[in-house]
Amino acid sequence: MDYQQSWAKALSETEIVRGRILGLQTFEKTLVPYILLSASAINPGDTVVRTGEIAVDRPSLVLPPNIPQFEGFSFDELQANENSLINFLLVRGITLPSLKYNNQNNRLDIFEGKVQDARQHYGNRLQREENTAAGLVVGPEDVWQFSLIIFICSQIVRNSASDIRRIMEEFRRRNS
C-alpha cells in the first residue's frame, strides 16, 4: 500500500473516541499519552492495543527552516522513510506547528474481544481513573502511524487558539 492509500485509509477509518482533555503546553514539551485500538489482522475478533505517549515539542508560530522530525513511528513498516513521508504531508498542505514528535510505544497487548468492546472497556477505564491526559483512538492496524499523526494533529488544532493567546501575552509581558 502506498502513502496515498495508507493516508486515505487512516483518514477514513481513524476515530478519536476521546481526545486529551488537558491542553498542550504552550512553552514546553507536552507528553500526550494514548491508547490506540485496532482490529487484529492475525486473530480476527481480537483487538490490538497500543499504549504509549507522544512527546510534542512546544508550538512554533514562525516555523524555523528545519523539517519536522518523527521518531518512534516505525514508518519502515509502510516501506517508507521519514523524508518521503514529510514530502507527502507537505504536498497535501499538512503543516505541523511543532517540529518534533517522538512516539514511545510503551506496550503492545491483545484485548480478547472486538474493537467495540475494547473501546468501551478502555473508555470506561479512563473515565473511572479520571484520566484527563490520555486520548483513546481507534484506527487500522496496518496504518497505525497515520492514525497517531491524525490524533496528535487534532490535539494541536484544538489547542492553537489558546497557544496564540498565551504567546501574545508573553510577548506583551516581555516588551512592557
Foldseek 3Di string as FASTA:
>chain_A
DAPVVLLVQFVVFKDFPFAQQDAADQQAKDKFWEWEWAQDPVDGFKIKIWIWIKIFGHFAPDDDPDAAEEAPLPCVLVVDDPVVVSVVCVVVVDDDRTRYIHIDTPDIDMGNGHRVVVQVVVVVVCVVVVPNRYIYMYHHPSNVSSSVVVSVRVSCVVNVVVSVVVVVVVVVVVVD
